[in-house]
Amino acid sequence: CGMPASRCDVDHNVDWALGGHTELTNLGPLCEGHHTVRHHTDWRIEQVAGLGGAILWTSPSGRRYLVEPERAVPVFRSTESVGAPF
């Protein structure tokens, strides 16, 4: 899908109603069509740890598709972990 993230819905990979957290590692942009497919069919999605926001789609038959972001999601660290003076 070529829809820019700015025009997509922000989707919880693990549904909020099922205990999913609202945090970067559980959120991803889905266009309206893919958001509908994800919630109203047996397709499943999950973010792949360490791949900067890549999403693995699994079809109802078990076939898997890795969708990598155009740009990796930046990694933010606490200033305490880098030894900043403040």
PDB file of N, CA and C in Angstrom:
ATOM      1  N   CYS A   1       0.851  -1.175   0.000  1.00  0.00           N
ATOM      2  CA  CYS A   1       0.000   0.000   0.000  1.00  0.00           C
ATOM      3  C   CYS A   1       0.898   1.241   0.000  1.00  0.00           C
ATOM      4  N   GLY A   2       0.564   2.191  -0.835  1.00  0.00           N
ATOM      5  CA  GLY A   2       1.377   3.395  -0.924  1.00  0.00           C
ATOM      6  C   GLY A   2       0.833   4.581  -0.156  1.00  0.00           C
ATOM      7  N   MET A   3      -0.144   4.353   0.697  1.00  0.00           N
ATOM      8  CA  MET A   3      -0.751   5.450   1.458  1.00  0.00           C
ATOM      9  C   MET A   3       0.273   5.999   2.457  1.00  0.00           C
ATOM     10  N   PRO A   4       0.524   7.315   2.447  1.00  0.00           N
ATOM     11  CA  PRO A   4       1.453   7.878   3.432  1.00  0.00           C
ATOM     12  C   PRO A   4       0.895   7.731   4.850  1.00  0.00           C
ATOM     13  N   ALA A   5       1.783   7.520   5.788  1.00  0.00           N
ATOM     14  CA  ALA A   5       1.372   7.326   7.182  1.00  0.00           C
ATOM     15  C   ALA A   5       0.536   8.494   7.694  1.00  0.00           C
ATOM     16  N   SER A   6       0.794   9.685   7.185  1.00  0.00           N
ATOM     17  CA  SER A   6       0.049  10.869   7.641  1.00  0.00           C
ATOM     18  C   SER A   6      -1.433  10.792   7.285  1.00  0.00           C
ATOM     19  N   ARG A   7      -1.802   9.918   6.350  1.00  0.00           N
ATOM     20  CA  ARG A   7      -3.209   9.772   5.961  1.00  0.00           C
ATOM     21  C   ARG A   7      -3.802   8.454   6.455  1.00  0.00           C
ATOM     22  N   CYS A   8      -3.106   7.775   7.353  1.00  0.00           N
ATOM     23  CA  CYS A   8      -3.546   6.470   7.857  1.00  0.00           C
ATOM     24  C   CYS A   8      -4.137   6.574   9.256  1.00  0.00           C
ATOM     25  N   ASP A   9      -4.806   5.495   9.650  1.00  0.00           N
ATOM     26  CA  ASP A   9      -5.255   5.335  11.033  1.00  0.00           C
ATOM     27  C   ASP A   9      -4.092   4.779  11.842  1.00  0.00           C
ATOM     28  N   VAL A  10      -4.011   5.160  13.098  1.00  0.00           N
ATOM     29  CA  VAL A  10      -3.026   4.556  13.992  1.00  0.00           C
ATOM     30  C   VAL A  10      -3.719   3.367  14.650  1.00  0.00           C
ATOM     31  N   ASP A  11      -3.181   2.179  14.424  1.00  0.00           N
ATOM     32  CA  ASP A  11      -3.811   0.941  14.877  1.00  0.00           C
ATOM     33  C   ASP A  11      -2.988   0.290  15.977  1.00  0.00           C
ATOM     34  N   HIS A  12      -3.680  -0.226  16.983  1.00  0.00           N
ATOM     35  CA  HIS A  12      -3.024  -1.043  18.009  1.00  0.00           C
ATOM     36  C   HIS A  12      -2.806  -2.432  17.413  1.00  0.00           C
ATOM     37  N   ASN A  13      -1.563  -2.925  17.380  1.00  0.00           N
ATOM     38  CA  ASN A  13      -1.293  -4.271  16.867  1.00  0.00           C
ATOM     39  C   ASN A  13      -1.989  -5.314  17.733  1.00  0.00           C
ATOM     40  N   VAL A  14      -1.856  -5.184  19.046  1.00  0.00           N
ATOM     41  CA  VAL A  14      -2.657  -5.974  19.989  1.00  0.00           C
ATOM     42  C   VAL A  14      -3.760  -5.032  20.434  1.00  0.00           C
ATOM     43  N   ASP A  15      -4.993  -5.376  20.114  1.00  0.00           N
ATOM     44  CA  ASP A  15      -6.121  -4.485  20.374  1.00  0.00           C
ATOM     45  C   ASP A  15      -6.124  -3.934  21.793  1.00  0.00           C
ATOM     46  N   TRP A  16      -6.403  -2.651  21.906  1.00  0.00           N
ATOM     47  CA  TRP A  16      -6.502  -2.002  23.212  1.00  0.00           C
ATOM     48  C   TRP A  16      -7.551  -2.710  24.060  1.00  0.00           C
ATOM     49  N   ALA A  17      -8.673  -3.075  23.451  1.00  0.00           N
ATOM     50  CA  ALA A  17      -9.760  -3.740  24.182  1.00  0.00           C
ATOM     51  C   ALA A  17      -9.350  -5.117  24.710  1.00  0.00           C
ATOM     52  N   LEU A  18      -8.271  -5.674  24.142  1.00  0.00           N
ATOM     53  CA  LEU A  18      -7.786  -6.991  24.581  1.00  0.00           C
ATOM     54  C   LEU A  18      -6.526  -6.878  25.424  1.00  0.00           C
ATOM     55  N   GLY A  19      -6.247  -5.671  25.909  1.00  0.00           N
ATOM     56  CA  GLY A  19      -5.095  -5.484  26.797  1.00  0.00           C
ATOM     57  C   GLY A  19      -3.856  -4.916  26.135  1.00  0.00           C
ATOM     58  N   GLY A  20      -3.948  -4.554  24.854  1.00  0.00           N
ATOM     59  CA  GLY A  20      -2.801  -3.953  24.176  1.00  0.00           C
ATOM     60  C   GLY A  20      -2.524  -2.565  24.715  1.00  0.00           C
ATOM     61  N   HIS A  21      -1.262  -2.210  24.808  1.00  0.00           N
ATOM     62  CA  HIS A  21      -0.870  -0.910  25.349  1.00  0.00           C
ATOM     63  C   HIS A  21      -0.759   0.132  24.247  1.00  0.00           C
ATOM     64  N   THR A  22      -1.019   1.374  24.598  1.00  0.00           N
ATOM     65  CA  THR A  22      -0.855   2.477  23.668  1.00  0.00           C
ATOM     66  C   THR A  22       0.577   2.964  23.809  1.00  0.00           C
ATOM     67  N   GLU A  23       1.466   2.333  23.047  1.00  0.00           N
ATOM     68  CA  GLU A  23       2.884   2.669  23.059  1.00  0.00           C
ATOM     69  C   GLU A  23       3.453   2.374  21.675  1.00  0.00           C
ATOM     70  N   LEU A  24       4.570   2.979  21.358  1.00  0.00           N
ATOM     71  CA  LEU A  24       5.149   2.896  20.028  1.00  0.00           C
ATOM     72  C   LEU A  24       5.307   1.465  19.528  1.00  0.00           C
ATOM     73  N   THR A  25       5.687   0.545  20.393  1.00  0.00           N
ATOM     74  CA  THR A  25       5.915  -0.836  19.962  1.00  0.00           C
ATOM     75  C   THR A  25       4.627  -1.600  19.679  1.00  0.00           C
ATOM     76  N   ASN A  26       3.468  -0.988  19.962  1.00  0.00           N
ATOM     77  CA  ASN A  26       2.192  -1.644  19.713  1.00  0.00           C
ATOM     78  C   ASN A  26       1.292  -0.821  18.784  1.00  0.00           C
ATOM     79  N   LEU A  27       1.869   0.163  18.110  1.00  0.00           N
ATOM     80  CA  LEU A  27       1.092   1.017  17.227  1.00  0.00           C
ATOM     81  C   LEU A  27       1.698   1.027  15.832  1.00  0.00           C
ATOM     82  N   GLY A  28       0.843   1.144  14.839  1.00  0.00           N
ATOM     83  CA  GLY A  28       1.336   1.244  13.475  1.00  0.00           C
ATOM     84  C   GLY A  28       0.292   1.867  12.581  1.00  0.00           C
ATOM     85  N   PRO A  29       0.731   2.532  11.498  1.00  0.00           N
ATOM     86  CA  PRO A  29      -0.209   3.176  10.583  1.00  0.00           C
ATOM     87  C   PRO A  29      -0.815   2.165   9.612  1.00  0.00           C
ATOM     88  N   LEU A  30      -2.134   2.173   9.486  1.00  0.00           N
ATOM     89  CA  LEU A  30      -2.829   1.347   8.503  1.00  0.00           C
ATOM     90  C   LEU A  30      -3.802   2.245   7.749  1.00  0.00           C
ATOM     91  N   CYS A  31      -3.818   2.120   6.416  1.00  0.00           N
ATOM     92  CA  CYS A  31      -4.807   2.864   5.642  1.00  0.00           C
ATOM     93  C   CYS A  31      -6.189   2.334   6.025  1.00  0.00           C
ATOM     94  N   GLU A  32      -7.219   3.064   5.668  1.00  0.00           N
ATOM     95  CA  GLU A  32      -8.570   2.660   6.059  1.00  0.00           C
ATOM     96  C   GLU A  32      -8.910   1.248   5.564  1.00  0.00           C
ATOM     97  N   GLY A  33      -8.519   0.933   4.334  1.00  0.00           N
ATOM     98  CA  GLY A  33      -8.811  -0.387   3.790  1.00  0.00           C
ATOM     99  C   GLY A  33      -8.106  -1.510   4.524  1.00  0.00           C
ATOM    100  N   HIS A  34      -6.799  -1.328   4.802  1.00  0.00           N
ATOM    101  CA  HIS A  34      -6.058  -2.361   5.529  1.00  0.00           C
ATOM    102  C   HIS A  34      -6.523  -2.460   6.984  1.00  0.00           C
ATOM    103  N   HIS A  35      -6.924  -1.329   7.556  1.00  0.00           N
ATOM    104  CA  HIS A  35      -7.443  -1.340   8.923  1.00  0.00           C
ATOM    105  C   HIS A  35      -8.727  -2.178   8.979  1.00  0.00           C
ATOM    106  N   THR A  36      -9.582  -2.015   7.976  1.00  0.00           N
ATOM    107  CA  THR A  36     -10.821  -2.795   7.913  1.00  0.00           C
ATOM    108  C   THR A  36     -10.523  -4.281   7.741  1.00  0.00           C
ATOM    109  N   VAL A  37      -9.600  -4.608   6.831  1.00  0.00           N
ATOM    110  CA  VAL A  37      -9.218  -6.012   6.610  1.00  0.00           C
ATOM    111  C   VAL A  37      -8.679  -6.627   7.899  1.00  0.00           C
ATOM    112  N   ARG A  38      -7.850  -5.881   8.587  1.00  0.00           N
ATOM    113  CA  ARG A  38      -7.215  -6.376   9.817  1.00  0.00           C
ATOM    114  C   ARG A  38      -8.246  -6.703  10.897  1.00  0.00           C
ATOM    115  N   HIS A  39      -9.292  -5.883  11.006  1.00  0.00           N
ATOM    116  CA  HIS A  39     -10.271  -6.071  12.083  1.00  0.00           C
ATOM    117  C   HIS A  39     -11.486  -6.916  11.714  1.00  0.00           C
ATOM    118  N   HIS A  40     -11.728  -7.136  10.428  1.00  0.00           N
ATOM    119  CA  HIS A  40     -12.948  -7.844  10.032  1.00  0.00           C
ATOM    120  C   HIS A  40     -12.688  -9.112   9.233  1.00  0.00           C
ATOM    121  N   THR A  41     -11.435  -9.573   9.248  1.00  0.00           N
ATOM    122  CA  THR A  41     -11.091 -10.843   8.603  1.00  0.00           C
ATOM    123  C   THR A  41     -10.150 -11.596   9.534  1.00  0.00           C
ATOM    124  N   ASP A  42      -9.649 -12.714   9.070  1.00  0.00           N
ATOM    125  CA  ASP A  42      -8.727 -13.510   9.889  1.00  0.00           C
ATOM    126  C   ASP A  42      -7.259 -13.178   9.648  1.00  0.00           C
ATOM    127  N   TRP A  43      -6.966 -12.091   8.939  1.00  0.00           N
ATOM    128  CA  TRP A  43      -5.579 -11.645   8.802  1.00  0.00           C
ATOM    129  C   TRP A  43      -5.076 -11.186  10.174  1.00  0.00           C
ATOM    130  N   ARG A  44      -3.800 -11.434  10.476  1.00  0.00           N
ATOM    131  CA  ARG A  44      -3.182 -11.012  11.738  1.00  0.00           C
ATOM    132  C   ARG A  44      -1.955 -10.160  11.439  1.00  0.00           C
ATOM    133  N   ILE A  45      -1.647  -9.238  12.329  1.00  0.00           N
ATOM    134  CA  ILE A  45      -0.437  -8.433  12.190  1.00  0.00           C
ATOM    135  C   ILE A  45       0.336  -8.433  13.498  1.00  0.00           C
ATOM    136  N   GLU A  46       1.645  -8.212  13.360  1.00  0.00           N
ATOM    137  CA  GLU A  46       2.494  -8.022  14.539  1.00  0.00           C
ATOM    138  C   GLU A  46       3.707  -7.208  14.122  1.00  0.00           C
ATOM    139  N   GLN A  47       4.177  -6.358  15.016  1.00  0.00           N
ATOM    140  CA  GLN A  47       5.411  -5.634  14.753  1.00  0.00           C
ATOM    141  C   GLN A  47       6.577  -6.554  15.030  1.00  0.00           C
ATOM    142  N   VAL A  48       7.614  -6.443  14.216  1.00  0.00           N
ATOM    143  CA  VAL A  48       8.796  -7.268  14.383  1.00  0.00           C
ATOM    144  C   VAL A  48       9.832  -6.466  15.159  1.00  0.00           C
ATOM    145  N   ALA A  49      10.162  -6.935  16.344  1.00  0.00           N
ATOM    146  CA  ALA A  49      11.119  -6.231  17.205  1.00  0.00           C
ATOM    147  C   ALA A  49      12.457  -6.049  16.488  1.00  0.00           C
ATOM    148  N   GLY A  50      13.018  -4.856  16.630  1.00  0.00           N
ATOM    149  CA  GLY A  50      14.337  -4.580  16.078  1.00  0.00           C
ATOM    150  C   GLY A  50      14.360  -4.193  14.610  1.00  0.00           C
ATOM    151  N   LEU A  51      13.209  -4.130  13.949  1.00  0.00           N
ATOM    152  CA  LEU A  51      13.184  -3.777  12.529  1.00  0.00           C
ATOM    153  C   LEU A  51      12.590  -2.392  12.271  1.00  0.00           C
ATOM    154  N   GLY A  52      12.573  -1.535  13.268  1.00  0.00           N
ATOM    155  CA  GLY A  52      12.193  -0.140  13.080  1.00  0.00           C
ATOM    156  C   GLY A  52      10.769   0.118  12.656  1.00  0.00           C
ATOM    157  N   GLY A  53       9.835  -0.731  13.087  1.00  0.00           N
ATOM    158  CA  GLY A  53       8.430  -0.518  12.759  1.00  0.00           C
ATOM    159  C   GLY A  53       7.896  -1.441  11.676  1.00  0.00           C
ATOM    160  N   ALA A  54       8.689  -2.434  11.255  1.00  0.00           N
ATOM    161  CA  ALA A  54       8.217  -3.393  10.256  1.00  0.00           C
ATOM    162  C   ALA A  54       7.038  -4.184  10.813  1.00  0.00           C
ATOM    163  N   ILE A  55       6.074  -4.472   9.945  1.00  0.00           N
ATOM    164  CA  ILE A  55       4.885  -5.220  10.349  1.00  0.00           C
ATOM    165  C   ILE A  55       4.823  -6.524   9.565  1.00  0.00           C
ATOM    166  N   LEU A  56       4.598  -7.608  10.281  1.00  0.00           N
ATOM    167  CA  LEU A  56       4.441  -8.915   9.664  1.00  0.00           C
ATOM    168  C   LEU A  56       2.958  -9.226   9.595  1.00  0.00           C
ATOM    169  N   TRP A  57       2.446  -9.378   8.367  1.00  0.00           N
ATOM    170  CA  TRP A  57       1.059  -9.747   8.130  1.00  0.00           C
ATOM    171  C   TRP A  57       1.011 -11.251   7.927  1.00  0.00           C
ATOM    172  N   THR A  58       0.045 -11.922   8.539  1.00  0.00           N
ATOM    173  CA  THR A  58      -0.148 -13.352   8.333  1.00  0.00           C
ATOM    174  C   THR A  58      -1.558 -13.574   7.800  1.00  0.00           C
ATOM    175  N   SER A  59      -1.633 -14.217   6.639  1.00  0.00           N
ATOM    176  CA  SER A  59      -2.928 -14.451   5.985  1.00  0.00           C
ATOM    177  C   SER A  59      -3.688 -15.555   6.704  1.00  0.00           C
ATOM    178  N   PRO A  60      -4.981 -15.687   6.436  1.00  0.00           N
ATOM    179  CA  PRO A  60      -5.762 -16.760   7.050  1.00  0.00           C
ATOM    180  C   PRO A  60      -5.204 -18.153   6.735  1.00  0.00           C
ATOM    181  N   SER A  61      -4.503 -18.298   5.600  1.00  0.00           N
ATOM    182  CA  SER A  61      -3.929 -19.599   5.239  1.00  0.00           C
ATOM    183  C   SER A  61      -2.533 -19.810   5.830  1.00  0.00           C
ATOM    184  N   GLY A  62      -2.005 -18.773   6.525  1.00  0.00           N
ATOM    185  CA  GLY A  62      -0.698 -18.895   7.170  1.00  0.00           C
ATOM    186  C   GLY A  62       0.454 -18.283   6.394  1.00  0.00           C
ATOM    187  N   ARG A  63       0.213 -17.779   5.208  1.00  0.00           N
ATOM    188  CA  ARG A  63       1.277 -17.134   4.445  1.00  0.00           C
ATOM    189  C   ARG A  63       1.634 -15.812   5.113  1.00  0.00           C
ATOM    190  N   ARG A  64       2.950 -15.499   5.139  1.00  0.00           N
ATOM    191  CA  ARG A  64       3.404 -14.311   5.866  1.00  0.00           C
ATOM    192  C   ARG A  64       4.034 -13.298   4.919  1.00  0.00           C
ATOM    193  N   TYR A  65       3.780 -12.018   5.193  1.00  0.00           N
ATOM    194  CA  TYR A  65       4.285 -10.915   4.380  1.00  0.00           C
ATOM    195  C   TYR A  65       4.909  -9.879   5.306  1.00  0.00           C
ATOM    196  N   LEU A  66       6.187  -9.586   5.104  1.00  0.00           N
ATOM    197  CA  LEU A  66       6.862  -8.577   5.910  1.00  0.00           C
ATOM    198  C   LEU A  66       6.796  -7.243   5.185  1.00  0.00           C
ATOM    199  N   VAL A  67       6.243  -6.225   5.851  1.00  0.00           N
ATOM    200  CA  VAL A  67       6.133  -4.885   5.279  1.00  0.00           C
ATOM    201  C   VAL A  67       7.033  -3.968   6.099  1.00  0.00           C
ATOM    202  N   GLU A  68       8.084  -3.479   5.450  1.00  0.00           N
ATOM    203  CA  GLU A  68       9.030  -2.608   6.139  1.00  0.00           C
ATOM    204  C   GLU A  68       8.675  -1.146   5.896  1.00  0.00           C
ATOM    205  N   PRO A  69       8.892  -0.289   6.894  1.00  0.00           N
ATOM    206  CA  PRO A  69       8.567   1.129   6.726  1.00  0.00           C
ATOM    207  C   PRO A  69       9.542   1.796   5.762  1.00  0.00           C
ATOM    208  N   GLU A  70       9.087   2.886   5.152  1.00  0.00           N
ATOM    209  CA  GLU A  70       9.967   3.651   4.275  1.00  0.00           C
ATOM    210  C   GLU A  70      11.187   4.150   5.041  1.00  0.00           C
ATOM    211  N   ARG A  71      10.925   4.603   6.261  1.00  0.00           N
ATOM    212  CA  ARG A  71      12.002   5.045   7.158  1.00  0.00           C
ATOM    213  C   ARG A  71      11.814   4.337   8.481  1.00  0.00           C
ATOM    214  N   ALA A  72      12.903   3.901   9.063  1.00  0.00           N
ATOM    215  CA  ALA A  72      12.823   3.219  10.353  1.00  0.00           C
ATOM    216  C   ALA A  72      12.349   4.181  11.435  1.00  0.00           C
ATOM    217  N   VAL A  73      11.605   3.664  12.390  1.00  0.00           N
ATOM    218  CA  VAL A  73      11.164   4.449  13.538  1.00  0.00           C
ATOM    219  C   VAL A  73      12.400   4.754  14.384  1.00  0.00           C
ATOM    220  N   PRO A  74      12.613   6.022  14.756  1.00  0.00           N
ATOM    221  CA  PRO A  74      13.795   6.343  15.567  1.00  0.00           C
ATOM    222  C   PRO A  74      13.718   5.696  16.946  1.00  0.00           C
ATOM    223  N   VAL A  75      14.883   5.443  17.501  1.00  0.00           N
ATOM    224  CA  VAL A  75      14.967   4.878  18.845  1.00  0.00           C
ATOM    225  C   VAL A  75      15.278   6.018  19.805  1.00  0.00           C
ATOM    226  N   PHE A  76      14.430   6.195  20.805  1.00  0.00           N
ATOM    227  CA  PHE A  76      14.627   7.250  21.799  1.00  0.00           C
ATOM    228  C   PHE A  76      15.153   6.632  23.078  1.00  0.00           C
ATOM    229  N   ARG A  77      16.124   7.310  23.679  1.00  0.00           N
ATOM    230  CA  ARG A  77      16.704   6.830  24.927  1.00  0.00           C
ATOM    231  C   ARG A  77      16.629   7.939  25.968  1.00  0.00           C
ATOM    232  N   SER A  78      16.535   7.539  27.205  1.00  0.00           N
ATOM    233  CA  SER A  78      16.524   8.484  28.315  1.00  0.00           C
ATOM    234  C   SER A  78      17.865   9.199  28.374  1.00  0.00           C
ATOM    235  N   THR A  79      17.850  10.464  28.795  1.00  0.00           N
ATOM    236  CA  THR A  79      19.116  11.192  28.948  1.00  0.00           C
ATOM    237  C   THR A  79      19.965  10.567  30.034  1.00  0.00           C
ATOM    238  N   GLU A  80      19.342   9.845  30.958  1.00  0.00           N
ATOM    239  CA  GLU A  80      20.094   9.173  32.012  1.00  0.00           C
ATOM    240  C   GLU A  80      20.974   8.071  31.433  1.00  0.00           C
ATOM    241  N   SER A  81      20.531   7.433  30.359  1.00  0.00           N
ATOM    242  CA  SER A  81      21.285   6.316  29.807  1.00  0.00           C
ATOM    243  C   SER A  81      22.480   6.786  28.981  1.00  0.00           C
ATOM    244  N   VAL A  82      22.524   8.058  28.585  1.00  0.00           N
ATOM    245  CA  VAL A  82      23.661   8.555  27.807  1.00  0.00           C
ATOM    246  C   VAL A  82      24.564   9.468  28.628  1.00  0.00           C
ATOM    247  N   GLY A  83      24.269   9.623  29.880  1.00  0.00           N
ATOM    248  CA  GLY A  83      25.128  10.396  30.768  1.00  0.00           C
ATOM    249  C   GLY A  83      25.055  11.909  30.597  1.00  0.00           C
ATOM    250  N   ALA A  84      23.929  12.439  30.190  1.00  0.00           N
ATOM    251  CA  ALA A  84      23.774  13.883  30.026  1.00  0.00           C
ATOM    252  C   ALA A  84      23.832  14.559  31.399  1.00  0.00           C
ATOM    253  N   PRO A  85      24.341  15.779  31.453  1.00  0.00           N
ATOM    254  CA  PRO A  85      24.528  16.474  32.739  1.00  0.00           C
ATOM    255  C   PRO A  85      23.252  16.977  33.383  1.00  0.00           C
ATOM    256  N   PHE A  86      22.082  16.827  32.767  1.00  0.00           N
ATOM    257  CA  PHE A  86      20.868  17.372  33.387  1.00  0.00           C
ATOM    258  C   PHE A  86      19.920  16.326  33.803  1.00  0.00           C
TER     259      PHE A  86
END
